[in-house]
Amino acid sequence: MGKEIERKFLIDQQKWDNLNKPEGKLFRQGYLLTYKDKTIRVRATETKGFLTIKGQTIGATRMEYEYEIPVDEATELLNNFSQSELSKTRYEITFNGKLWEVDVFSGDNEGLIVAEIELESEEETFDLPDWVSTEVTEEAKYYNSNLTVKPFKDWV
């Protein structure tokens, strides 16, 4: 069974702005199906496409199956079948041996920056970079699928 164990954190904007970062990758991401207990996502970068099926999140864990697909097919799926969509630039930063994926959202989610770390178990320990602030793992409003229907610009 495919499984994802992921924790999410907000970023300290000032420290992030001052950080020496690698080049980011632009992601276009849309949802073919969005229910509380499952989503089907399509993602396109400049060179690759992905189809991802995710189950309900319990704690920091959920079932996940991801398949690479041709980028032209991913774009076609996004253009013709996506119910909702977002764009973001992803930065991959290794800190103390762990990969952090930092998403800087654009469009209706401009101003939101979320860092994610994937783990082998929920009990796994790791060090927090100084640019990481509040944990939001269990806050559903930060799920990408939810950001497509209630974007950051509409939060009060």
C-alpha atoms as a PDB file:
ATOM      1  CA  MET A   1       0.000   0.000   0.000  1.00  0.00           C
ATOM      2  CA  GLY A   2       1.240   3.501  -0.825  1.00  0.00           C
ATOM      3  CA  LYS A   3       1.536   5.687   2.243  1.00  0.00           C
ATOM      4  CA  GLU A   4       2.483   9.322   2.823  1.00  0.00           C
ATOM      5  CA  ILE A   5       3.490  10.646   6.217  1.00  0.00           C
ATOM      6  CA  GLU A   6       3.805  14.395   5.936  1.00  0.00           C
ATOM      7  CA  ARG A   7       3.973  17.304   8.355  1.00  0.00           C
ATOM      8  CA  LYS A   8       3.225  20.896   7.324  1.00  0.00           C
ATOM      9  CA  PHE A   9       4.537  24.155   8.727  1.00  0.00           C
ATOM     10  CA  LEU A  10       4.156  27.848   8.084  1.00  0.00           C
ATOM     11  CA  ILE A  11       7.224  29.908   7.286  1.00  0.00           C
ATOM     12  CA  ASP A  12       8.764  32.960   8.923  1.00  0.00           C
ATOM     13  CA  GLN A  13       8.460  35.376   5.968  1.00  0.00           C
ATOM     14  CA  GLN A  14      11.434  37.564   6.860  1.00  0.00           C
ATOM     15  CA  LYS A  15      13.798  34.619   7.367  1.00  0.00           C
ATOM     16  CA  TRP A  16      12.508  33.009   4.159  1.00  0.00           C
ATOM     17  CA  ASP A  17      13.123  36.205   2.196  1.00  0.00           C
ATOM     18  CA  ASN A  18      16.729  36.322   3.464  1.00  0.00           C
ATOM     19  CA  LEU A  19      17.411  32.608   2.813  1.00  0.00           C
ATOM     20  CA  ASN A  20      19.722  31.591  -0.023  1.00  0.00           C
ATOM     21  CA  LYS A  21      17.341  29.319  -1.975  1.00  0.00           C
ATOM     22  CA  PRO A  22      17.715  27.007  -4.968  1.00  0.00           C
ATOM     23  CA  GLU A  23      15.712  27.696  -8.116  1.00  0.00           C
ATOM     24  CA  GLY A  24      12.055  26.836  -7.674  1.00  0.00           C
ATOM     25  CA  LYS A  25       9.811  24.785  -9.959  1.00  0.00           C
ATOM     26  CA  LEU A  26       6.424  26.087 -11.047  1.00  0.00           C
ATOM     27  CA  PHE A  27       3.569  23.645 -10.406  1.00  0.00           C
ATOM     28  CA  ARG A  28       0.101  23.812 -11.898  1.00  0.00           C
ATOM     29  CA  GLN A  29      -2.132  21.562  -9.830  1.00  0.00           C
ATOM     30  CA  GLY A  30      -5.799  20.672 -10.200  1.00  0.00           C
ATOM     31  CA  TYR A  31      -8.306  18.276  -8.717  1.00  0.00           C
ATOM     32  CA  LEU A  32     -10.464  15.823 -10.652  1.00  0.00           C
ATOM     33  CA  LEU A  33     -12.152  14.651  -7.455  1.00  0.00           C
ATOM     34  CA  THR A  34     -12.244  16.260  -4.022  1.00  0.00           C
ATOM     35  CA  TYR A  35     -14.003  14.616  -1.097  1.00  0.00           C
ATOM     36  CA  LYS A  36     -13.168  14.774   2.593  1.00  0.00           C
ATOM     37  CA  ASP A  37     -11.770  11.234   2.527  1.00  0.00           C
ATOM     38  CA  LYS A  38     -10.139  11.156  -0.940  1.00  0.00           C
ATOM     39  CA  THR A  39      -8.775  13.286  -3.752  1.00  0.00           C
ATOM     40  CA  ILE A  40      -7.545  12.700  -7.274  1.00  0.00           C
ATOM     41  CA  ARG A  41      -5.000  15.317  -8.311  1.00  0.00           C
ATOM     42  CA  VAL A  42      -3.233  16.175 -11.553  1.00  0.00           C
ATOM     43  CA  ARG A  43       0.016  18.131 -11.446  1.00  0.00           C
ATOM     44  CA  ALA A  44       2.074  19.565 -14.279  1.00  0.00           C
ATOM     45  CA  THR A  45       5.554  21.063 -14.203  1.00  0.00           C
ATOM     46  CA  GLU A  46       7.418  22.295 -17.275  1.00  0.00           C
ATOM     47  CA  THR A  47       8.659  18.787 -18.056  1.00  0.00           C
ATOM     48  CA  LYS A  48       6.590  16.230 -16.125  1.00  0.00           C
ATOM     49  CA  GLY A  49       3.042  15.331 -15.242  1.00  0.00           C
ATOM     50  CA  PHE A  50       1.655  13.356 -12.303  1.00  0.00           C
ATOM     51  CA  LEU A  51      -1.624  11.725 -11.383  1.00  0.00           C
ATOM     52  CA  THR A  52      -2.024  11.292  -7.623  1.00  0.00           C
ATOM     53  CA  ILE A  53      -4.711   9.536  -5.604  1.00  0.00           C
ATOM     54  CA  LYS A  54      -4.818  10.361  -1.893  1.00  0.00           C
ATOM     55  CA  GLY A  55      -6.919   8.933   0.915  1.00  0.00           C
ATOM     56  CA  GLN A  56      -8.175  10.496   4.124  1.00  0.00           C
ATOM     57  CA  THR A  57      -5.563  12.043   6.393  1.00  0.00           C
ATOM     58  CA  ILE A  58      -5.372  10.602   9.888  1.00  0.00           C
ATOM     59  CA  GLY A  59      -2.812  12.466  11.991  1.00  0.00           C
ATOM     60  CA  ALA A  60       0.013  13.041   9.499  1.00  0.00           C
ATOM     61  CA  THR A  61      -0.601   9.827   7.496  1.00  0.00           C
ATOM     62  CA  ARG A  62      -2.693   8.958   4.465  1.00  0.00           C
ATOM     63  CA  MET A  63      -2.737   6.503   1.621  1.00  0.00           C
ATOM     64  CA  GLU A  64      -1.121   7.906  -1.523  1.00  0.00           C
ATOM     65  CA  TYR A  65      -0.536   6.545  -5.011  1.00  0.00           C
ATOM     66  CA  GLU A  66       1.345   8.731  -7.489  1.00  0.00           C
ATOM     67  CA  TYR A  67       2.041   7.995 -11.149  1.00  0.00           C
ATOM     68  CA  GLU A  68       4.134   9.955 -13.608  1.00  0.00           C
ATOM     69  CA  ILE A  69       2.260  10.753 -16.826  1.00  0.00           C
ATOM     70  CA  PRO A  70       3.308  12.702 -19.938  1.00  0.00           C
ATOM     71  CA  VAL A  71       3.198  16.462 -19.305  1.00  0.00           C
ATOM     72  CA  ASP A  72       0.947  17.039 -22.333  1.00  0.00           C
ATOM     73  CA  GLU A  73      -1.605  14.594 -20.896  1.00  0.00           C
ATOM     74  CA  ALA A  74      -1.412  16.282 -17.484  1.00  0.00           C
ATOM     75  CA  THR A  75      -2.051  19.651 -19.123  1.00  0.00           C
ATOM     76  CA  GLU A  76      -4.953  18.216 -21.108  1.00  0.00           C
ATOM     77  CA  LEU A  77      -6.487  16.751 -17.936  1.00  0.00           C
ATOM     78  CA  LEU A  78      -6.071  20.084 -16.142  1.00  0.00           C
ATOM     79  CA  ASN A  79      -7.620  22.008 -19.034  1.00  0.00           C
ATOM     80  CA  ASN A  80     -10.589  19.686 -19.536  1.00  0.00           C
ATOM     81  CA  PHE A  81     -11.365  17.863 -16.283  1.00  0.00           C
ATOM     82  CA  SER A  82     -10.058  19.863 -13.323  1.00  0.00           C
ATOM     83  CA  GLN A  83     -12.780  20.989 -10.895  1.00  0.00           C
ATOM     84  CA  SER A  84     -10.462  23.413  -9.105  1.00  0.00           C
ATOM     85  CA  GLU A  85      -6.857  24.492  -9.482  1.00  0.00           C
ATOM     86  CA  LEU A  86      -3.918  26.322  -7.929  1.00  0.00           C
ATOM     87  CA  SER A  87      -0.393  27.361  -8.852  1.00  0.00           C
ATOM     88  CA  LYS A  88       2.705  27.432  -6.704  1.00  0.00           C
ATOM     89  CA  THR A  89       6.469  27.486  -6.908  1.00  0.00           C
ATOM     90  CA  ARG A  90       8.175  24.666  -5.036  1.00  0.00           C
ATOM     91  CA  TYR A  91      11.623  24.923  -3.517  1.00  0.00           C
ATOM     92  CA  GLU A  92      13.457  21.787  -2.364  1.00  0.00           C
ATOM     93  CA  ILE A  93      15.811  22.437   0.540  1.00  0.00           C
ATOM     94  CA  THR A  94      17.798  19.822   2.420  1.00  0.00           C
ATOM     95  CA  PHE A  95      18.291  20.618   6.093  1.00  0.00           C
ATOM     96  CA  ASN A  96      20.173  18.246   8.443  1.00  0.00           C
ATOM     97  CA  GLY A  97      19.690  15.328   6.060  1.00  0.00           C
ATOM     98  CA  LYS A  98      15.940  15.851   5.492  1.00  0.00           C
ATOM     99  CA  LEU A  99      14.253  17.189   2.379  1.00  0.00           C
ATOM    100  CA  TRP A 100      11.911  20.123   2.928  1.00  0.00           C
ATOM    101  CA  GLU A 101       9.517  21.093   0.142  1.00  0.00           C
ATOM    102  CA  VAL A 102       8.519  24.736   0.444  1.00  0.00           C
ATOM    103  CA  ASP A 103       5.515  25.884  -1.583  1.00  0.00           C
ATOM    104  CA  VAL A 104       5.150  29.580  -2.360  1.00  0.00           C
ATOM    105  CA  PHE A 105       1.592  29.959  -3.590  1.00  0.00           C
ATOM    106  CA  SER A 106       0.449  32.383  -6.282  1.00  0.00           C
ATOM    107  CA  GLY A 107      -2.872  33.605  -7.649  1.00  0.00           C
ATOM    108  CA  ASP A 108      -5.687  33.517  -5.091  1.00  0.00           C
ATOM    109  CA  ASN A 109      -3.295  31.968  -2.541  1.00  0.00           C
ATOM    110  CA  GLU A 110      -0.571  34.621  -2.929  1.00  0.00           C
ATOM    111  CA  GLY A 111       1.103  35.387   0.395  1.00  0.00           C
ATOM    112  CA  LEU A 112       0.849  31.827   1.716  1.00  0.00           C
ATOM    113  CA  ILE A 113       4.054  29.805   2.116  1.00  0.00           C
ATOM    114  CA  VAL A 114       3.929  26.252   3.491  1.00  0.00           C
ATOM    115  CA  ALA A 115       6.828  23.875   4.156  1.00  0.00           C
ATOM    116  CA  GLU A 116       6.330  20.113   4.126  1.00  0.00           C
ATOM    117  CA  ILE A 117       8.534  17.271   5.270  1.00  0.00           C
ATOM    118  CA  GLU A 118       7.858  13.609   4.466  1.00  0.00           C
ATOM    119  CA  LEU A 119       8.735  11.087   7.151  1.00  0.00           C
ATOM    120  CA  GLU A 120       9.129   7.331   7.497  1.00  0.00           C
ATOM    121  CA  SER A 121       6.933   7.256  10.625  1.00  0.00           C
ATOM    122  CA  GLU A 122       4.857   9.702  12.633  1.00  0.00           C
ATOM    123  CA  GLU A 123       7.273   9.251  15.553  1.00  0.00           C
ATOM    124  CA  GLU A 124      10.347  10.157  13.483  1.00  0.00           C
ATOM    125  CA  THR A 125      12.309  13.088  14.887  1.00  0.00           C
ATOM    126  CA  PHE A 126      13.818  15.869  12.802  1.00  0.00           C
ATOM    127  CA  ASP A 127      15.315  19.308  13.223  1.00  0.00           C
ATOM    128  CA  LEU A 128      13.372  22.436  12.310  1.00  0.00           C
ATOM    129  CA  PRO A 129      15.136  25.034  10.178  1.00  0.00           C
ATOM    130  CA  ASP A 130      15.020  28.505  11.735  1.00  0.00           C
ATOM    131  CA  TRP A 131      12.769  29.720   8.869  1.00  0.00           C
ATOM    132  CA  VAL A 132      10.015  27.288   9.916  1.00  0.00           C
ATOM    133  CA  SER A 133       7.414  28.576  12.380  1.00  0.00           C
ATOM    134  CA  THR A 134       3.979  27.154  13.264  1.00  0.00           C
ATOM    135  CA  GLU A 135       2.948  23.557  12.568  1.00  0.00           C
ATOM    136  CA  VAL A 136      -0.339  23.264  10.634  1.00  0.00           C
ATOM    137  CA  THR A 137      -0.334  19.533   9.822  1.00  0.00           C
ATOM    138  CA  GLU A 138      -3.828  18.895  11.168  1.00  0.00           C
ATOM    139  CA  GLU A 139      -5.414  22.140   9.941  1.00  0.00           C
ATOM    140  CA  ALA A 140      -7.481  21.169   6.904  1.00  0.00           C
ATOM    141  CA  LYS A 141      -7.595  24.716   5.511  1.00  0.00           C
ATOM    142  CA  TYR A 142      -3.922  24.272   4.532  1.00  0.00           C
ATOM    143  CA  TYR A 143      -4.578  21.167   2.411  1.00  0.00           C
ATOM    144  CA  ASN A 144      -3.948  22.049  -1.223  1.00  0.00           C
ATOM    145  CA  SER A 145      -7.320  20.637  -2.257  1.00  0.00           C
ATOM    146  CA  ASN A 146      -9.037  22.992   0.208  1.00  0.00           C
ATOM    147  CA  LEU A 147      -6.957  25.963  -0.967  1.00  0.00           C
ATOM    148  CA  THR A 148      -8.482  25.529  -4.427  1.00  0.00           C
ATOM    149  CA  VAL A 149     -12.028  26.091  -3.133  1.00  0.00           C
ATOM    150  CA  LYS A 150     -11.358  28.454  -0.176  1.00  0.00           C
ATOM    151  CA  PRO A 151      -8.177  30.290  -1.114  1.00  0.00           C
ATOM    152  CA  PHE A 152      -5.932  32.237   1.224  1.00  0.00           C
ATOM    153  CA  LYS A 153      -7.228  35.607  -0.091  1.00  0.00           C
ATOM    154  CA  ASP A 154     -10.689  34.768   1.323  1.00  0.00           C
ATOM    155  CA  TRP A 155      -9.521  33.947   4.856  1.00  0.00           C
ATOM    156  CA  VAL A 156     -10.579  36.430   7.504  1.00  0.00           C
END
